[in-house]
C-alpha atoms as a PDB file:
ATOM      1  CA  MET A   1      15.057  24.676   8.157  1.00  0.00           C
ATOM      2  CA  ILE A   2      12.589  27.219   6.605  1.00  0.00           C
ATOM      3  CA  GLN A   3      12.359  24.543   3.552  1.00  0.00           C
ATOM      4  CA  ALA A   4      11.465  21.810   5.856  1.00  0.00           C
ATOM      5  CA  PHE A   5       8.869  24.121   7.373  1.00  0.00           C
ATOM      6  CA  ILE A   6       7.435  25.097   4.138  1.00  0.00           C
ATOM      7  CA  ILE A   7       7.097  21.379   3.113  1.00  0.00           C
ATOM      8  CA  LEU A   8       5.600  20.142   6.444  1.00  0.00           C
ATOM      9  CA  GLY A   9       3.051  22.970   5.752  1.00  0.00           C
ATOM     10  CA  ILE A  10       2.383  21.830   2.289  1.00  0.00           C
ATOM     11  CA  VAL A  11       1.855  18.154   3.541  1.00  0.00           C
ATOM     12  CA  THR A  12       0.099  18.798   6.297  1.00  0.00           C
ATOM     13  CA  LEU A  13      -2.219  21.415   3.730  1.00  0.00           C
ATOM     14  CA  LEU A  14      -3.005  19.005   1.562  1.00  0.00           C
ATOM     15  CA  SER A  15      -3.612  16.047   3.894  1.00  0.00           C
ATOM     16  CA  TYR A  16      -5.638  17.997   5.684  1.00  0.00           C
ATOM     17  CA  LEU A  17      -8.014  18.786   2.847  1.00  0.00           C
ATOM     18  CA  SER A  18      -8.080  15.693   1.641  1.00  0.00           C
ATOM     19  CA  GLN A  19      -9.793  14.173   5.186  1.00  0.00           C
ATOM     20  CA  ARG A  20     -12.258  17.501   5.495  1.00  0.00           C
ATOM     21  CA  HIS A  21     -13.410  16.620   1.405  1.00  0.00           C
ATOM     22  CA  GLN A  22     -14.319  12.474   1.884  1.00  0.00           C
ATOM     23  CA  GLN A  23     -15.181  13.400   5.443  1.00  0.00           C
ATOM     24  CA  GLU A  24     -17.996  15.950   4.182  1.00  0.00           C
ATOM     25  CA  ASN A  25     -19.291  14.157   1.362  1.00  0.00           C
ATOM     26  CA  GLY A  26     -19.014  10.887   3.109  1.00  0.00           C
ATOM     27  CA  MET A  27     -16.215   9.185   0.957  1.00  0.00           C
ATOM     28  CA  GLU A  28     -14.358   7.706   4.429  1.00  0.00           C
ATOM     29  CA  ASN A  29     -13.543   4.334   2.781  1.00  0.00           C
ATOM     30  CA  MET A  30     -12.384   6.435  -0.867  1.00  0.00           C
ATOM     31  CA  ARG A  31      -8.760   5.745  -1.028  1.00  0.00           C
ATOM     32  CA  TRP A  32      -7.776   8.252  -3.260  1.00  0.00           C
ATOM     33  CA  ASP A  33      -8.831  11.507  -4.123  1.00  0.00           C
ATOM     34  CA  ILE A  34      -7.648  14.894  -5.925  1.00  0.00           C
ATOM     35  CA  TYR A  35      -5.919  16.448  -2.760  1.00  0.00           C
ATOM     36  CA  LEU A  36      -4.474  13.031  -2.260  1.00  0.00           C
ATOM     37  CA  ILE A  37      -3.416  13.021  -5.958  1.00  0.00           C
ATOM     38  CA  ILE A  38      -1.987  16.037  -5.696  1.00  0.00           C
ATOM     39  CA  LEU A  39      -0.106  15.464  -2.425  1.00  0.00           C
ATOM     40  CA  THR A  40       1.626  12.327  -3.522  1.00  0.00           C
ATOM     41  CA  ILE A  41       2.433  14.098  -7.004  1.00  0.00           C
ATOM     42  CA  PHE A  42       4.435  17.092  -4.947  1.00  0.00           C
ATOM     43  CA  LEU A  43       6.455  14.579  -2.624  1.00  0.00           C
ATOM     44  CA  ILE A  44       6.775  12.625  -6.310  1.00  0.00           C
ATOM     45  CA  LEU A  45       8.187  15.712  -7.784  1.00  0.00           C
ATOM     46  CA  MET A  46      10.222  17.118  -4.572  1.00  0.00           C
ATOM     47  CA  PHE A  47      11.997  13.373  -4.495  1.00  0.00           C
ATOM     48  CA  GLY A  48      12.588  12.971  -8.034  1.00  0.00           C
ATOM     49  CA  LEU A  49      13.888  15.935  -9.004  1.00  0.00           C
ATOM     50  CA  ARG A  50      16.190  16.943  -6.310  1.00  0.00           C
ATOM     51  CA  LYS A  51      20.001  17.643  -7.382  1.00  0.00           C
ATOM     52  CA  SER A  52      21.140  17.732  -3.499  1.00  0.00           C
ATOM     53  CA  TYR A  53      20.532  16.631  -0.325  1.00  0.00           C
ATOM     54  CA  ASN A  54      22.104  13.934   2.080  1.00  0.00           C
ATOM     55  CA  ASP A  55      22.991  10.930  -0.116  1.00  0.00           C
ATOM     56  CA  THR A  56      22.253  12.497  -3.009  1.00  0.00           C
ATOM     57  CA  ILE A  57      25.083  13.150  -4.631  1.00  0.00           C
ATOM     58  CA  ASN A  58      26.438   9.442  -4.176  1.00  0.00           C
ATOM     59  CA  TYR A  59      23.652   7.760  -5.629  1.00  0.00           C
ATOM     60  CA  ARG A  60      23.982  10.148  -8.600  1.00  0.00           C
ATOM     61  CA  ARG A  61      27.436   9.087  -8.852  1.00  0.00           C
ATOM     62  CA  GLY A  62      26.705   5.591  -8.342  1.00  0.00           C
ATOM     63  CA  TYR A  63      23.946   5.692 -11.129  1.00  0.00           C
ATOM     64  CA  LYS A  64      26.579   7.059 -13.435  1.00  0.00           C
ATOM     65  CA  LEU A  65      28.742   4.448 -13.195  1.00  0.00           C
ATOM     66  CA  SER A  66      26.752   1.704 -13.313  1.00  0.00           C
ATOM     67  CA  VAL A  67      26.826  -0.796 -15.948  1.00  0.00           C
ATOM     68  CA  ASP A  68      23.627  -2.112 -18.505  1.00  0.00           C
ATOM     69  CA  ILE A  69      21.635  -4.999 -17.172  1.00  0.00           C
ATOM     70  CA  SER A  70      23.534  -7.440 -19.585  1.00  0.00           C
ATOM     71  CA  THR A  71      26.788  -7.018 -18.550  1.00  0.00           C
ATOM     72  CA  PHE A  72      25.079  -7.023 -14.778  1.00  0.00           C
ATOM     73  CA  LEU A  73      23.434 -10.172 -15.688  1.00  0.00           C
ATOM     74  CA  SER A  74      26.354 -11.421 -16.984  1.00  0.00           C
ATOM     75  CA  GLU A  75      28.508 -11.074 -13.827  1.00  0.00           C
ATOM     76  CA  ARG A  76      27.996 -14.031 -10.845  1.00  0.00           C
ATOM     77  CA  SER A  77      29.297 -12.176  -8.154  1.00  0.00           C
ATOM     78  CA  ASN A  78      26.337  -9.304  -8.976  1.00  0.00           C
ATOM     79  CA  PHE A  79      23.742 -12.258  -7.757  1.00  0.00           C
ATOM     80  CA  ASP A  80      24.634 -12.203  -3.889  1.00  0.00           C
ATOM     81  CA  ILE A  81      22.218 -12.043  -1.623  1.00  0.00           C
ATOM     82  CA  PHE A  82      23.911 -10.124   0.959  1.00  0.00           C
ATOM     83  CA  SER A  83      24.770  -7.264  -1.436  1.00  0.00           C
ATOM     84  CA  ASN A  84      21.093  -5.630  -2.331  1.00  0.00           C
ATOM     85  CA  PRO A  85      21.403  -7.348  -5.830  1.00  0.00           C
ATOM     86  CA  LEU A  86      17.997  -6.665  -6.605  1.00  0.00           C
ATOM     87  CA  PHE A  87      18.756  -2.724  -6.308  1.00  0.00           C
ATOM     88  CA  TYR A  88      21.317  -2.648  -7.892  1.00  0.00           C
ATOM     89  CA  ALA A  89      19.598  -4.599 -11.028  1.00  0.00           C
ATOM     90  CA  PHE A  90      16.666  -2.444 -11.435  1.00  0.00           C
ATOM     91  CA  GLN A  91      19.324   0.535 -11.123  1.00  0.00           C
ATOM     92  CA  SER A  92      20.906  -1.307 -14.368  1.00  0.00           C
ATOM     93  CA  LEU A  93      17.942  -1.787 -16.154  1.00  0.00           C
ATOM     94  CA  ILE A  94      17.113   2.269 -16.072  1.00  0.00           C
ATOM     95  CA  ARG A  95      20.741   3.205 -16.678  1.00  0.00           C
ATOM     96  CA  THR A  96      20.425   0.602 -19.709  1.00  0.00           C
ATOM     97  CA  MET A  97      17.754   3.113 -20.954  1.00  0.00           C
ATOM     98  CA  THR A  98      18.546   6.389 -20.395  1.00  0.00           C
ATOM     99  CA  SER A  99      21.893   7.959 -18.453  1.00  0.00           C
ATOM    100  CA  ASN A 100      19.456  10.613 -16.980  1.00  0.00           C
ATOM    101  CA  TYR A 101      19.630  10.168 -13.366  1.00  0.00           C
ATOM    102  CA  THR A 102      16.778  12.212 -12.731  1.00  0.00           C
ATOM    103  CA  TYR A 103      14.597   9.510 -14.117  1.00  0.00           C
ATOM    104  CA  PHE A 104      15.796   7.200 -11.858  1.00  0.00           C
ATOM    105  CA  PHE A 105      15.115   9.282  -8.817  1.00  0.00           C
ATOM    106  CA  LEU A 106      11.189   9.933 -10.065  1.00  0.00           C
ATOM    107  CA  ILE A 107      10.734   5.711 -11.054  1.00  0.00           C
ATOM    108  CA  CYS A 108      11.973   5.743  -7.496  1.00  0.00           C
ATOM    109  CA  ALA A 109       9.709   8.697  -6.005  1.00  0.00           C
ATOM    110  CA  CYS A 110       6.985   7.206  -7.740  1.00  0.00           C
ATOM    111  CA  TYR A 111       7.261   3.655  -6.197  1.00  0.00           C
ATOM    112  CA  ILE A 112       7.999   4.726  -2.492  1.00  0.00           C
ATOM    113  CA  ASN A 113       5.662   7.879  -2.279  1.00  0.00           C
ATOM    114  CA  ILE A 114       2.917   5.930  -3.499  1.00  0.00           C
ATOM    115  CA  LEU A 115       3.416   3.231  -1.614  1.00  0.00           C
ATOM    116  CA  ASN A 116       3.828   5.163   1.608  1.00  0.00           C
ATOM    117  CA  VAL A 117       1.037   7.274   0.659  1.00  0.00           C
ATOM    118  CA  SER A 118      -1.509   4.678   0.310  1.00  0.00           C
ATOM    119  CA  PHE A 119      -0.274   2.394   3.263  1.00  0.00           C
ATOM    120  CA  ILE A 120      -0.822   5.748   5.725  1.00  0.00           C
ATOM    121  CA  LYS A 121      -4.302   5.964   3.965  1.00  0.00           C
ATOM    122  CA  LYS A 122      -5.150   2.510   4.540  1.00  0.00           C
ATOM    123  CA  ASN A 123      -4.214   2.375   8.028  1.00  0.00           C
ATOM    124  CA  THR A 124      -5.406   5.762   9.469  1.00  0.00           C
ATOM    125  CA  GLU A 125      -9.125   6.770  10.472  1.00  0.00           C
ATOM    126  CA  ILE A 126     -10.278   9.547   8.282  1.00  0.00           C
ATOM    127  CA  ARG A 127     -10.126  12.304  11.454  1.00  0.00           C
ATOM    128  CA  ASN A 128      -6.417  11.179  11.445  1.00  0.00           C
ATOM    129  CA  PHE A 129      -5.334  11.294   8.318  1.00  0.00           C
ATOM    130  CA  ALA A 130      -3.662  14.801   8.512  1.00  0.00           C
ATOM    131  CA  PHE A 131      -2.213  14.498  11.857  1.00  0.00           C
ATOM    132  CA  SER A 132      -0.282  10.870  10.357  1.00  0.00           C
ATOM    133  CA  MET A 133       0.507  13.140   7.521  1.00  0.00           C
ATOM    134  CA  PHE A 134       2.025  15.671   9.738  1.00  0.00           C
ATOM    135  CA  ILE A 135       3.635  12.829  11.677  1.00  0.00           C
ATOM    136  CA  TYR A 136       4.817  11.136   8.884  1.00  0.00           C
ATOM    137  CA  THR A 137       7.231  14.222   7.641  1.00  0.00           C
ATOM    138  CA  ALA A 138       7.725  15.879  11.339  1.00  0.00           C
ATOM    139  CA  ILE A 139       9.601  12.550  12.398  1.00  0.00           C
ATOM    140  CA  GLY A 140      11.914  12.878   9.398  1.00  0.00           C
ATOM    141  CA  THR A 141      10.398   9.320   7.615  1.00  0.00           C
ATOM    142  CA  MET A 142       9.333  11.342   4.438  1.00  0.00           C
ATOM    143  CA  PHE A 143      12.978  13.037   4.395  1.00  0.00           C
ATOM    144  CA  LEU A 144      14.378   9.674   4.882  1.00  0.00           C
ATOM    145  CA  THR A 145      13.136   8.616   1.478  1.00  0.00           C
ATOM    146  CA  MET A 146      15.054  11.468  -0.089  1.00  0.00           C
ATOM    147  CA  ALA A 147      18.039  10.961   2.043  1.00  0.00           C
ATOM    148  CA  ALA A 148      18.532   7.032   1.640  1.00  0.00           C
ATOM    149  CA  ILE A 149      17.302   5.845  -2.008  1.00  0.00           C
ATOM    150  CA  LYS A 150      17.716   1.660  -1.245  1.00  0.00           C
ATOM    151  CA  GLN A 151      16.405   1.812   2.418  1.00  0.00           C
ATOM    152  CA  ALA A 152      13.159   3.675   1.364  1.00  0.00           C
ATOM    153  CA  LEU A 153      12.324   1.345  -1.579  1.00  0.00           C
ATOM    154  CA  ALA A 154      12.813  -1.489   1.323  1.00  0.00           C
ATOM    155  CA  MET A 155      10.568   0.414   3.095  1.00  0.00           C
ATOM    156  CA  ALA A 156       7.957   0.615   0.733  1.00  0.00           C
ATOM    157  CA  THR A 157       7.752  -2.323  -0.022  1.00  0.00           C
ATOM    158  CA  LEU A 158       7.651  -3.911   3.797  1.00  0.00           C
ATOM    159  CA  THR A 159       4.375  -2.039   3.510  1.00  0.00           C
ATOM    160  CA  LEU A 160       2.932  -4.766   1.323  1.00  0.00           C
ATOM    161  CA  ALA A 161       4.509  -6.823   3.630  1.00  0.00           C
ATOM    162  CA  LEU A 162       2.636  -5.226   6.715  1.00  0.00           C
ATOM    163  CA  ASN A 163      -0.747  -5.187   5.263  1.00  0.00           C
ATOM    164  CA  ALA A 164       0.105  -9.115   4.541  1.00  0.00           C
ATOM    165  CA  LEU A 165       0.926  -9.893   8.392  1.00  0.00           C
ATOM    166  CA  MET A 166      -2.155  -8.054   9.480  1.00  0.00           C
ATOM    167  CA  ASP A 167      -3.983  -9.884   7.395  1.00  0.00           C
ATOM    168  CA  ARG A 168      -2.124 -12.735   8.662  1.00  0.00           C
ATOM    169  CA  LYS A 169      -0.658 -14.091   5.436  1.00  0.00           C
ATOM    170  CA  TYR A 170       2.141 -15.278   6.626  1.00  0.00           C
ATOM    171  CA  ILE A 171       3.614 -16.822   3.770  1.00  0.00           C
ATOM    172  CA  LYS A 172       3.580 -13.928   1.580  1.00  0.00           C
ATOM    173  CA  TYR A 173       4.212 -11.513   4.381  1.00  0.00           C
ATOM    174  CA  TYR A 174       7.820 -13.595   4.027  1.00  0.00           C
ATOM    175  CA  LEU A 175       7.971 -13.917   0.486  1.00  0.00           C
ATOM    176  CA  ILE A 176       7.838  -9.660   0.549  1.00  0.00           C
ATOM    177  CA  VAL A 177      10.320  -9.379   3.130  1.00  0.00           C
ATOM    178  CA  PHE A 178      12.588 -11.246   1.140  1.00  0.00           C
ATOM    179  CA  ILE A 179      11.955  -9.514  -2.086  1.00  0.00           C
ATOM    180  CA  ALA A 180      12.750  -6.156   0.603  1.00  0.00           C
ATOM    181  CA  GLY A 181      15.993  -7.942   1.713  1.00  0.00           C
ATOM    182  CA  MET A 182      17.313  -8.193  -1.781  1.00  0.00           C
ATOM    183  CA  ILE A 183      16.726  -4.735  -2.012  1.00  0.00           C
ATOM    184  CA  HIS A 184      18.481  -3.420   0.908  1.00  0.00           C
ATOM    185  CA  THR A 185      19.685  -6.163   3.370  1.00  0.00           C
ATOM    186  CA  TYR A 186      18.670  -4.540   6.665  1.00  0.00           C
ATOM    187  CA  ALA A 187      14.974  -5.027   6.038  1.00  0.00           C
ATOM    188  CA  TRP A 188      15.248  -8.442   7.059  1.00  0.00           C
ATOM    189  CA  ILE A 189      15.034  -7.527  10.209  1.00  0.00           C
ATOM    190  CA  PHE A 190      11.267  -7.604   9.885  1.00  0.00           C
ATOM    191  CA  ALA A 191      12.132 -11.597  10.224  1.00  0.00           C
ATOM    192  CA  ILE A 192      10.918 -11.234  14.055  1.00  0.00           C
ATOM    193  CA  LEU A 193       8.041  -8.791  13.432  1.00  0.00           C
ATOM    194  CA  PRO A 194       5.719 -11.580  13.646  1.00  0.00           C
ATOM    195  CA  LEU A 195       6.593 -12.706  17.424  1.00  0.00           C
ATOM    196  CA  PHE A 196       5.624  -9.288  18.366  1.00  0.00           C
ATOM    197  CA  TYR A 197       2.401  -9.285  16.861  1.00  0.00           C
ATOM    198  CA  THR A 198       0.822  -9.236  20.584  1.00  0.00           C
ATOM    199  CA  LYS A 199      -0.767  -6.283  22.766  1.00  0.00           C
ATOM    200  CA  PRO A 200       2.328  -3.787  23.829  1.00  0.00           C
ATOM    201  CA  TRP A 201       4.561  -5.113  26.575  1.00  0.00           C
ATOM    202  CA  SER A 202       4.023  -8.162  26.499  1.00  0.00           C
ATOM    203  CA  PHE A 203       6.294 -10.985  27.726  1.00  0.00           C
ATOM    204  CA  ARG A 204       8.460 -11.415  24.484  1.00  0.00           C
ATOM    205  CA  THR A 205       8.371  -7.634  24.571  1.00  0.00           C
ATOM    206  CA  LEU A 206       9.895  -7.579  27.899  1.00  0.00           C
ATOM    207  CA  LEU A 207      12.360  -9.978  26.940  1.00  0.00           C
ATOM    208  CA  LEU A 208      13.917  -8.542  23.700  1.00  0.00           C
ATOM    209  CA  LEU A 209      14.495  -5.150  25.790  1.00  0.00           C
ATOM    210  CA  LEU A 210      16.230  -7.595  28.842  1.00  0.00           C
ATOM    211  CA  ILE A 211      18.104  -8.915  25.815  1.00  0.00           C
ATOM    212  CA  THR A 212      19.002  -5.444  24.255  1.00  0.00           C
ATOM    213  CA  LEU A 213      19.740  -4.177  27.906  1.00  0.00           C
ATOM    214  CA  ALA A 214      22.174  -7.163  28.353  1.00  0.00           C
ATOM    215  CA  ILE A 215      23.784  -6.279  24.420  1.00  0.00           C
ATOM    216  CA  THR A 216      23.723  -2.706  25.618  1.00  0.00           C
ATOM    217  CA  TYR A 217      25.905  -3.221  28.641  1.00  0.00           C
ATOM    218  CA  THR A 218      28.271  -5.556  26.676  1.00  0.00           C
ATOM    219  CA  PHE A 219      28.252  -3.917  23.880  1.00  0.00           C
ATOM    220  CA  LYS A 220      31.862  -4.668  22.205  1.00  0.00           C
ATOM    221  CA  SER A 221      32.205  -8.563  23.037  1.00  0.00           C
ATOM    222  CA  SER A 222      28.236  -8.925  22.050  1.00  0.00           C
ATOM    223  CA  ILE A 223      28.850  -6.858  18.680  1.00  0.00           C
ATOM    224  CA  GLU A 224      31.926  -8.679  17.915  1.00  0.00           C
ATOM    225  CA  SER A 225      30.048 -11.716  18.592  1.00  0.00           C
ATOM    226  CA  ILE A 226      26.996 -11.574  16.163  1.00  0.00           C
ATOM    227  CA  LEU A 227      29.590 -10.010  13.348  1.00  0.00           C
ATOM    228  CA  LYS A 228      31.326 -13.101  13.824  1.00  0.00           C
ATOM    229  CA  VAL A 229      27.676 -15.139  13.071  1.00  0.00           C
ATOM    230  CA  ALA A 230      27.016 -12.771  10.507  1.00  0.00           C
ATOM    231  CA  ASP A 231      30.493 -12.988   8.610  1.00  0.00           C
ATOM    232  CA  GLN A 232      30.325 -16.768   8.942  1.00  0.00           C
ATOM    233  CA  ALA A 233      26.593 -16.609   7.133  1.00  0.00           C
ATOM    234  CA  GLY A 234      28.081 -14.579   4.180  1.00  0.00           C
ATOM    235  CA  LYS A 235      27.447 -11.102   5.350  1.00  0.00           C
ATOM    236  CA  THR A 236      30.583  -9.270   6.075  1.00  0.00           C
ATOM    237  CA  VAL A 237      29.737  -6.001   8.286  1.00  0.00           C
ATOM    238  CA  ALA A 238      33.008  -4.011   8.664  1.00  0.00           C
ATOM    239  CA  LYS A 239      33.909  -3.586  12.358  1.00  0.00           C
ATOM    240  CA  GLU A 240      34.522   0.060  11.574  1.00  0.00           C
ATOM    241  CA  GLU A 241      31.032   0.659  10.344  1.00  0.00           C
ATOM    242  CA  VAL A 242      30.252  -0.067  14.068  1.00  0.00           C
ATOM    243  CA  PHE A 243      32.848   0.902  16.168  1.00  0.00           C
ATOM    244  CA  ASP A 244      33.086   4.336  14.534  1.00  0.00           C
ATOM    245  CA  ASN A 245      33.115   6.267  17.574  1.00  0.00           C
ATOM    246  CA  ASN A 246      29.469   7.701  16.574  1.00  0.00           C
ATOM    247  CA  LYS A 247      27.092   7.618  19.121  1.00  0.00           C
ATOM    248  CA  MET A 248      23.307   8.828  18.670  1.00  0.00           C
ATOM    249  CA  ASN A 249      21.971  12.159  19.843  1.00  0.00           C
ATOM    250  CA  ILE A 250      20.330  12.518  22.483  1.00  0.00           C
ATOM    251  CA  PHE A 251      17.618  14.133  21.933  1.00  0.00           C
ATOM    252  CA  ARG A 252      16.812  11.638  19.361  1.00  0.00           C
ATOM    253  CA  VAL A 253      16.410   8.834  21.517  1.00  0.00           C
ATOM    254  CA  GLY A 254      14.310  11.162  23.605  1.00  0.00           C
ATOM    255  CA  ILE A 255      11.974  11.534  20.668  1.00  0.00           C
ATOM    256  CA  TYR A 256      11.992   7.250  20.326  1.00  0.00           C
ATOM    257  CA  THR A 257      11.640   7.120  23.891  1.00  0.00           C
ATOM    258  CA  ILE A 258       8.499   8.718  23.925  1.00  0.00           C
ATOM    259  CA  MET A 259       5.879   6.023  22.883  1.00  0.00           C
ATOM    260  CA  PRO A 260       7.588   3.291  24.370  1.00  0.00           C
ATOM    261  CA  ALA A 261       7.521   5.383  28.011  1.00  0.00           C
ATOM    262  CA  ILE A 262       3.703   6.052  27.491  1.00  0.00           C
ATOM    263  CA  THR A 263       2.327   2.922  26.845  1.00  0.00           C
ATOM    264  CA  LEU A 264       4.535   0.840  29.013  1.00  0.00           C
ATOM    265  CA  LEU A 265       3.431   3.561  31.837  1.00  0.00           C
ATOM    266  CA  PHE A 266      -0.268   2.761  30.932  1.00  0.00           C
ATOM    267  CA  LYS A 267      -0.160  -0.300  29.835  1.00  0.00           C
ATOM    268  CA  SER A 268      -3.066  -1.556  31.642  1.00  0.00           C
ATOM    269  CA  TYR A 269      -5.118   1.460  30.130  1.00  0.00           C
ATOM    270  CA  VAL A 270      -3.632   0.926  26.633  1.00  0.00           C
ATOM    271  CA  ASN A 271      -4.231  -3.002  26.119  1.00  0.00           C
ATOM    272  CA  LYS A 272      -7.720  -2.800  27.866  1.00  0.00           C
ATOM    273  CA  ASP A 273      -9.349  -2.291  24.568  1.00  0.00           C
ATOM    274  CA  ILE A 274      -6.531  -1.938  21.414  1.00  0.00           C
ATOM    275  CA  ASP A 275      -6.633  -3.249  18.241  1.00  0.00           C
ATOM    276  CA  LYS A 276      -4.247  -5.837  16.846  1.00  0.00           C
ATOM    277  CA  LYS A 277      -3.525  -2.810  14.205  1.00  0.00           C
ATOM    278  CA  ASN A 278      -2.559  -0.667  16.687  1.00  0.00           C
ATOM    279  CA  SER A 279      -0.713  -3.104  19.059  1.00  0.00           C
ATOM    280  CA  LEU A 280       1.472  -3.989  15.824  1.00  0.00           C
ATOM    281  CA  PHE A 281       2.477  -0.251  15.131  1.00  0.00           C
ATOM    282  CA  ILE A 282       3.299   0.257  18.834  1.00  0.00           C
ATOM    283  CA  GLN A 283       5.335  -3.019  19.049  1.00  0.00           C
ATOM    284  CA  MET A 284       7.161  -1.296  15.758  1.00  0.00           C
ATOM    285  CA  SER A 285       7.842   1.715  17.936  1.00  0.00           C
ATOM    286  CA  ILE A 286       9.320  -0.282  21.123  1.00  0.00           C
ATOM    287  CA  ILE A 287      11.876  -2.396  18.940  1.00  0.00           C
ATOM    288  CA  SER A 288      12.923   0.571  17.091  1.00  0.00           C
ATOM    289  CA  PHE A 289      13.567   2.278  20.350  1.00  0.00           C
ATOM    290  CA  MET A 290      15.449  -0.844  21.280  1.00  0.00           C
ATOM    291  CA  PHE A 291      18.017  -0.402  18.323  1.00  0.00           C
ATOM    292  CA  ILE A 292      18.056   3.433  19.892  1.00  0.00           C
ATOM    293  CA  LEU A 293      19.301   2.292  22.345  1.00  0.00           C
ATOM    294  CA  LEU A 294      22.365   0.040  21.205  1.00  0.00           C
ATOM    295  CA  ALA A 295      23.014   3.050  19.162  1.00  0.00           C
ATOM    296  CA  THR A 296      23.794   5.077  22.482  1.00  0.00           C
ATOM    297  CA  GLN A 297      26.870   2.901  22.762  1.00  0.00           C
ATOM    298  CA  ASN A 298      28.394   3.075  19.483  1.00  0.00           C
ATOM    299  CA  GLY A 299      27.244   2.988  15.353  1.00  0.00           C
ATOM    300  CA  ALA A 300      24.361   5.578  15.544  1.00  0.00           C
ATOM    301  CA  ASN A 301      24.211   5.377  11.419  1.00  0.00           C
ATOM    302  CA  MET A 302      24.279   1.463  11.470  1.00  0.00           C
ATOM    303  CA  PHE A 303      21.443   1.039  14.213  1.00  0.00           C
ATOM    304  CA  GLY A 304      19.883   4.202  13.342  1.00  0.00           C
ATOM    305  CA  ARG A 305      19.283   2.637  10.000  1.00  0.00           C
ATOM    306  CA  ALA A 306      18.026  -0.154  11.431  1.00  0.00           C
ATOM    307  CA  ALA A 307      15.430   1.547  14.257  1.00  0.00           C
ATOM    308  CA  ASN A 308      13.877   3.476  10.735  1.00  0.00           C
ATOM    309  CA  TYR A 309      12.382   0.137   9.727  1.00  0.00           C
ATOM    310  CA  PHE A 310       9.949   0.298  12.472  1.00  0.00           C
ATOM    311  CA  ILE A 311       8.874   4.179  12.705  1.00  0.00           C
ATOM    312  CA  TYR A 312       6.284   3.616  10.215  1.00  0.00           C
END
């Protein structure tokens, strides 16, 4: 816990120094400065040089057991789009060049942290940058990048999709979402996001809430039906992964409730002058909350992973 607070302090301090430097020198549109570069390098080294934390041991073991790229490409089963083929191909490519998993972690860390920091910098007003990086770290998104490499790579890729969506480049958006889904299948839930590129708590959002509440009320039968459809499509999800008797921690549910609750209570005020970009981010927090609601019934790990995709 002490280490987490130290990391939070370092990230916030460097972000604030970057923010102040750009404000004082009239460089508010500048993407990178020396403090931001130092911050990114810090995140890369912290991610890439770790020996343990959450699923790190499993990823170390998986890397050591992975085959070289030629062997990977020779097996047709490795091209199953529902089995994260792009991630395993990338892992095999790096494994072909070196058996040292640290290089693999460092390469992943560069990709993830450069894209994530760039996305936050681009979509945050300079006066709010330090606070945005504080939130990014404090709510656990930054630590997630060290816990689940497949998902972190896919989420970083989806920052490019979000930029395309905000530019209304829908073909580019869906192409990037497809690529992200080849890294981690859960990323394909982003396919629904353009439907909610509206003001917070629009009719579509309320309809989604009703559907979520209906599934929550009829959880077992509804989820079993969804799993059958997924199985027919070629994506097999073990029932044990959903019905594992693990429910979402009530404290985490409370945290995910804050933004949807505030924006619903003050809907008329929030929607009065809100721009499209902030509308999208609020809608994403609401969708994330929907998955957390499902996780209160069962499958906390699975629905929690889905919720994480929408917490940028």
